[in-house]
Amino acid sequence: MTDRFQVVPAAYVLLRRETSTGEEVLLSLRRGTGYMDEHWAHAAAGHVEAAESVHAAAIREAREELGITVAEPDLEPLCTMHRTHGNGRAIDERVDFFFSCRSWSGAPSLMEADKAAELAWFPLDALPEPVVPHERAVLQAIRAGTLAPIVTFGFGGR
């Protein structure tokens, strides 16, 4: 018999736009969540719910957290990340699906003020401090052009 663990799936939507000075990404400042509060993070992200596809979760999170409408064809897969905190808890390991989105309907607004204190656009080459570490790894790899389709975080010292 093999001991099994649970993997918690999440969807992340990175809104991106081009400006005259380069590419910008939309981030939110986490507050009141109990996890990585006072860190900047992807503005739309959350757990995939039971009987929900990862695409549906991404679209739902964008609507709930930013008040925007995203069409599934506008979700560009960036990478899948398998990560751990290395704490050995049954639900420690995560699988995160990162999407890029350059087209949406509506103006992004802070819809969940109990979970985020601020919403702001940042140049991809001038991110604020601090950014949630596993999310920063994705953003830095995008900037460097080195983002692999499948990445890990927290295993073997990383």
C-alpha atoms as a PDB file:
ATOM      1  CA  MET A   1       0.000   0.000   0.000  1.00  0.00           C
ATOM      2  CA  THR A   2       1.209   3.483  -0.836  1.00  0.00           C
ATOM      3  CA  ASP A   3       0.602   6.569   1.277  1.00  0.00           C
ATOM      4  CA  ARG A   4      -1.166   9.166  -0.811  1.00  0.00           C
ATOM      5  CA  PHE A   5      -1.106  12.889  -0.470  1.00  0.00           C
ATOM      6  CA  GLN A   6      -3.438  15.533  -1.825  1.00  0.00           C
ATOM      7  CA  VAL A   7      -2.396  18.073  -4.396  1.00  0.00           C
ATOM      8  CA  VAL A   8      -4.246  21.389  -4.263  1.00  0.00           C
ATOM      9  CA  PRO A   9      -4.788  22.949  -7.736  1.00  0.00           C
ATOM     10  CA  ALA A  10      -4.934  26.698  -8.330  1.00  0.00           C
ATOM     11  CA  ALA A  11      -5.342  28.986 -11.333  1.00  0.00           C
ATOM     12  CA  TYR A  12      -3.411  32.235 -11.788  1.00  0.00           C
ATOM     13  CA  VAL A  13      -4.243  34.919 -14.350  1.00  0.00           C
ATOM     14  CA  LEU A  14      -1.504  37.410 -15.168  1.00  0.00           C
ATOM     15  CA  LEU A  15      -2.955  40.489 -16.858  1.00  0.00           C
ATOM     16  CA  ARG A  16      -0.371  42.005 -19.184  1.00  0.00           C
ATOM     17  CA  ARG A  17      -0.303  45.179 -21.257  1.00  0.00           C
ATOM     18  CA  GLU A  18       2.152  46.947 -23.509  1.00  0.00           C
ATOM     19  CA  THR A  19       2.928  50.587 -22.848  1.00  0.00           C
ATOM     20  CA  SER A  20       5.268  53.058 -24.513  1.00  0.00           C
ATOM     21  CA  THR A  21       7.908  52.121 -21.926  1.00  0.00           C
ATOM     22  CA  GLY A  22       7.513  48.333 -22.139  1.00  0.00           C
ATOM     23  CA  GLU A  23       5.414  45.534 -20.726  1.00  0.00           C
ATOM     24  CA  GLU A  24       3.443  45.903 -17.493  1.00  0.00           C
ATOM     25  CA  VAL A  25       1.726  43.330 -15.271  1.00  0.00           C
ATOM     26  CA  LEU A  26      -1.165  43.811 -12.858  1.00  0.00           C
ATOM     27  CA  LEU A  27      -0.428  42.828  -9.252  1.00  0.00           C
ATOM     28  CA  SER A  28      -2.344  43.119  -6.002  1.00  0.00           C
ATOM     29  CA  LEU A  29      -1.040  43.660  -2.482  1.00  0.00           C
ATOM     30  CA  ARG A  30      -2.281  40.777  -0.309  1.00  0.00           C
ATOM     31  CA  ARG A  31      -3.792  41.697   3.041  1.00  0.00           C
ATOM     32  CA  GLY A  32      -6.073  39.878   5.481  1.00  0.00           C
ATOM     33  CA  THR A  33      -5.660  36.407   3.943  1.00  0.00           C
ATOM     34  CA  GLY A  34      -3.293  34.799   6.446  1.00  0.00           C
ATOM     35  CA  TYR A  35      -0.944  33.758   3.618  1.00  0.00           C
ATOM     36  CA  MET A  36       1.821  36.019   2.333  1.00  0.00           C
ATOM     37  CA  ASP A  37       0.055  39.149   3.508  1.00  0.00           C
ATOM     38  CA  GLU A  38       1.842  42.383   2.520  1.00  0.00           C
ATOM     39  CA  HIS A  39       3.333  40.639  -0.532  1.00  0.00           C
ATOM     40  CA  TRP A  40       2.473  41.545  -4.118  1.00  0.00           C
ATOM     41  CA  ALA A  41       0.853  38.768  -6.153  1.00  0.00           C
ATOM     42  CA  HIS A  42      -0.948  38.001  -9.404  1.00  0.00           C
ATOM     43  CA  ALA A  43      -4.136  40.056  -9.214  1.00  0.00           C
ATOM     44  CA  ALA A  44      -6.418  37.121 -10.056  1.00  0.00           C
ATOM     45  CA  ALA A  45      -5.675  33.712  -8.561  1.00  0.00           C
ATOM     46  CA  GLY A  46      -7.334  31.057  -6.496  1.00  0.00           C
ATOM     47  CA  HIS A  47      -8.111  27.418  -5.898  1.00  0.00           C
ATOM     48  CA  VAL A  48      -9.856  25.306  -8.491  1.00  0.00           C
ATOM     49  CA  GLU A  49     -13.178  24.219  -7.003  1.00  0.00           C
ATOM     50  CA  ALA A  50     -14.724  20.743  -7.179  1.00  0.00           C
ATOM     51  CA  ALA A  51     -16.137  19.899 -10.637  1.00  0.00           C
ATOM     52  CA  GLU A  52     -14.549  23.069 -12.077  1.00  0.00           C
ATOM     53  CA  SER A  53     -12.018  23.094 -14.914  1.00  0.00           C
ATOM     54  CA  VAL A  54      -8.840  25.106 -14.497  1.00  0.00           C
ATOM     55  CA  HIS A  55     -10.017  27.408 -17.306  1.00  0.00           C
ATOM     56  CA  ALA A  56     -13.350  27.995 -15.571  1.00  0.00           C
ATOM     57  CA  ALA A  57     -11.495  28.704 -12.318  1.00  0.00           C
ATOM     58  CA  ALA A  58      -9.254  31.292 -14.023  1.00  0.00           C
ATOM     59  CA  ILE A  59     -12.259  33.020 -15.589  1.00  0.00           C
ATOM     60  CA  ARG A  60     -14.141  32.967 -12.260  1.00  0.00           C
ATOM     61  CA  GLU A  61     -11.191  34.358 -10.311  1.00  0.00           C
ATOM     62  CA  ALA A  62     -10.758  37.228 -12.807  1.00  0.00           C
ATOM     63  CA  ARG A  63     -14.457  38.078 -12.438  1.00  0.00           C
ATOM     64  CA  GLU A  64     -14.533  37.746  -8.627  1.00  0.00           C
ATOM     65  CA  GLU A  65     -11.261  39.501  -7.840  1.00  0.00           C
ATOM     66  CA  LEU A  66     -11.043  42.089 -10.631  1.00  0.00           C
ATOM     67  CA  GLY A  67     -14.598  42.498 -11.928  1.00  0.00           C
ATOM     68  CA  ILE A  68     -13.554  41.731 -15.500  1.00  0.00           C
ATOM     69  CA  THR A  69     -14.719  39.228 -18.088  1.00  0.00           C
ATOM     70  CA  VAL A  70     -12.107  36.964 -19.652  1.00  0.00           C
ATOM     71  CA  ALA A  71     -12.900  34.648 -22.554  1.00  0.00           C
ATOM     72  CA  GLU A  72     -11.316  31.195 -22.442  1.00  0.00           C
ATOM     73  CA  PRO A  73      -9.487  31.669 -25.798  1.00  0.00           C
ATOM     74  CA  ASP A  74      -7.778  34.739 -24.269  1.00  0.00           C
ATOM     75  CA  LEU A  75      -6.129  32.612 -21.553  1.00  0.00           C
ATOM     76  CA  GLU A  76      -2.646  31.795 -22.817  1.00  0.00           C
ATOM     77  CA  PRO A  77      -0.990  28.970 -20.853  1.00  0.00           C
ATOM     78  CA  LEU A  78       2.305  30.118 -19.332  1.00  0.00           C
ATOM     79  CA  CYS A  79       3.368  27.160 -17.213  1.00  0.00           C
ATOM     80  CA  THR A  80       2.324  24.586 -14.673  1.00  0.00           C
ATOM     81  CA  MET A  81       4.190  24.707 -11.364  1.00  0.00           C
ATOM     82  CA  HIS A  82       4.450  21.836  -8.889  1.00  0.00           C
ATOM     83  CA  ARG A  83       5.483  23.350  -5.581  1.00  0.00           C
ATOM     84  CA  THR A  84       5.884  22.560  -1.920  1.00  0.00           C
ATOM     85  CA  HIS A  85       6.644  24.318   1.330  1.00  0.00           C
ATOM     86  CA  GLY A  86       8.394  21.140   2.464  1.00  0.00           C
ATOM     87  CA  ASN A  87       6.393  20.941   5.674  1.00  0.00           C
ATOM     88  CA  GLY A  88       5.151  17.362   5.168  1.00  0.00           C
ATOM     89  CA  ARG A  89       1.503  18.278   5.692  1.00  0.00           C
ATOM     90  CA  ALA A  90      -1.001  16.208   3.723  1.00  0.00           C
ATOM     91  CA  ILE A  91      -2.040  19.199   1.613  1.00  0.00           C
ATOM     92  CA  ASP A  92       1.342  20.891   1.368  1.00  0.00           C
ATOM     93  CA  GLU A  93       1.951  20.180  -2.308  1.00  0.00           C
ATOM     94  CA  ARG A  94       0.342  22.420  -4.900  1.00  0.00           C
ATOM     95  CA  VAL A  95      -0.096  22.416  -8.655  1.00  0.00           C
ATOM     96  CA  ASP A  96      -0.486  25.925 -10.020  1.00  0.00           C
ATOM     97  CA  PHE A  97      -1.669  26.679 -13.550  1.00  0.00           C
ATOM     98  CA  PHE A  98      -0.406  30.065 -14.739  1.00  0.00           C
ATOM     99  CA  PHE A  99      -2.145  31.880 -17.580  1.00  0.00           C
ATOM    100  CA  SER A 100      -1.327  35.103 -19.364  1.00  0.00           C
ATOM    101  CA  CYS A 101      -4.148  37.369 -20.505  1.00  0.00           C
ATOM    102  CA  ARG A 102      -3.813  40.413 -22.763  1.00  0.00           C
ATOM    103  CA  SER A 103      -7.480  40.918 -23.639  1.00  0.00           C
ATOM    104  CA  TRP A 104     -10.503  41.251 -21.347  1.00  0.00           C
ATOM    105  CA  SER A 105     -13.750  43.213 -20.975  1.00  0.00           C
ATOM    106  CA  GLY A 106     -14.157  45.811 -18.256  1.00  0.00           C
ATOM    107  CA  ALA A 107     -11.726  47.804 -16.156  1.00  0.00           C
ATOM    108  CA  PRO A 108      -9.795  45.808 -13.540  1.00  0.00           C
ATOM    109  CA  SER A 109     -10.862  46.928 -10.074  1.00  0.00           C
ATOM    110  CA  LEU A 110     -10.148  45.754  -6.553  1.00  0.00           C
ATOM    111  CA  MET A 111     -13.270  43.690  -5.843  1.00  0.00           C
ATOM    112  CA  GLU A 112     -12.197  41.916  -2.633  1.00  0.00           C
ATOM    113  CA  ALA A 113     -10.914  44.632  -0.342  1.00  0.00           C
ATOM    114  CA  ASP A 114     -10.885  42.127   2.539  1.00  0.00           C
ATOM    115  CA  LYS A 115      -8.146  40.139   0.744  1.00  0.00           C
ATOM    116  CA  ALA A 116      -6.114  42.847  -0.999  1.00  0.00           C
ATOM    117  CA  ALA A 117      -5.147  46.403  -0.115  1.00  0.00           C
ATOM    118  CA  GLU A 118      -4.012  47.706  -3.489  1.00  0.00           C
ATOM    119  CA  LEU A 119      -4.045  46.976  -7.211  1.00  0.00           C
ATOM    120  CA  ALA A 120      -1.330  48.394  -9.473  1.00  0.00           C
ATOM    121  CA  TRP A 121       0.423  47.964 -12.820  1.00  0.00           C
ATOM    122  CA  PHE A 122       4.190  47.413 -12.689  1.00  0.00           C
ATOM    123  CA  PRO A 123       6.817  47.198 -15.407  1.00  0.00           C
ATOM    124  CA  LEU A 124       7.874  43.570 -15.784  1.00  0.00           C
ATOM    125  CA  ASP A 125      11.478  44.703 -15.336  1.00  0.00           C
ATOM    126  CA  ALA A 126      10.746  46.723 -12.156  1.00  0.00           C
ATOM    127  CA  LEU A 127       8.635  44.549  -9.869  1.00  0.00           C
ATOM    128  CA  PRO A 128       7.744  45.794  -6.378  1.00  0.00           C
ATOM    129  CA  GLU A 129       9.065  44.252  -3.168  1.00  0.00           C
ATOM    130  CA  PRO A 130       8.183  41.815  -1.864  1.00  0.00           C
ATOM    131  CA  VAL A 131       6.439  39.511  -4.360  1.00  0.00           C
ATOM    132  CA  VAL A 132       5.154  36.064  -3.321  1.00  0.00           C
ATOM    133  CA  PRO A 133       8.300  33.939  -4.009  1.00  0.00           C
ATOM    134  CA  HIS A 134       6.856  31.295  -6.330  1.00  0.00           C
ATOM    135  CA  GLU A 135       5.022  33.988  -8.312  1.00  0.00           C
ATOM    136  CA  ARG A 136       8.195  36.088  -8.533  1.00  0.00           C
ATOM    137  CA  ALA A 137       9.980  33.054 -10.013  1.00  0.00           C
ATOM    138  CA  VAL A 138       7.404  32.918 -12.824  1.00  0.00           C
ATOM    139  CA  LEU A 139       7.575  36.678 -13.460  1.00  0.00           C
ATOM    140  CA  GLN A 140      11.381  36.658 -13.569  1.00  0.00           C
ATOM    141  CA  ALA A 141      11.410  33.708 -15.974  1.00  0.00           C
ATOM    142  CA  ILE A 142       8.932  35.503 -18.248  1.00  0.00           C
ATOM    143  CA  ARG A 143      11.180  38.555 -18.275  1.00  0.00           C
ATOM    144  CA  ALA A 144      14.273  36.459 -18.966  1.00  0.00           C
ATOM    145  CA  GLY A 145      12.530  34.406 -21.647  1.00  0.00           C
ATOM    146  CA  THR A 146      13.370  31.177 -19.803  1.00  0.00           C
ATOM    147  CA  LEU A 147       9.962  30.036 -18.547  1.00  0.00           C
ATOM    148  CA  ALA A 148       9.577  26.287 -19.089  1.00  0.00           C
ATOM    149  CA  PRO A 149       6.144  24.693 -19.614  1.00  0.00           C
ATOM    150  CA  ILE A 150       6.484  22.722 -16.364  1.00  0.00           C
ATOM    151  CA  VAL A 151       8.443  24.063 -13.396  1.00  0.00           C
ATOM    152  CA  THR A 152       8.983  23.108  -9.769  1.00  0.00           C
ATOM    153  CA  PHE A 153       9.443  25.266  -6.707  1.00  0.00           C
ATOM    154  CA  GLY A 154      10.465  24.319  -3.162  1.00  0.00           C
ATOM    155  CA  PHE A 155      11.958  20.933  -3.989  1.00  0.00           C
ATOM    156  CA  GLY A 156      15.672  20.332  -3.516  1.00  0.00           C
ATOM    157  CA  GLY A 157      16.434  23.723  -2.051  1.00  0.00           C
ATOM    158  CA  ARG A 158      14.606  25.726  -4.698  1.00  0.00           C
END
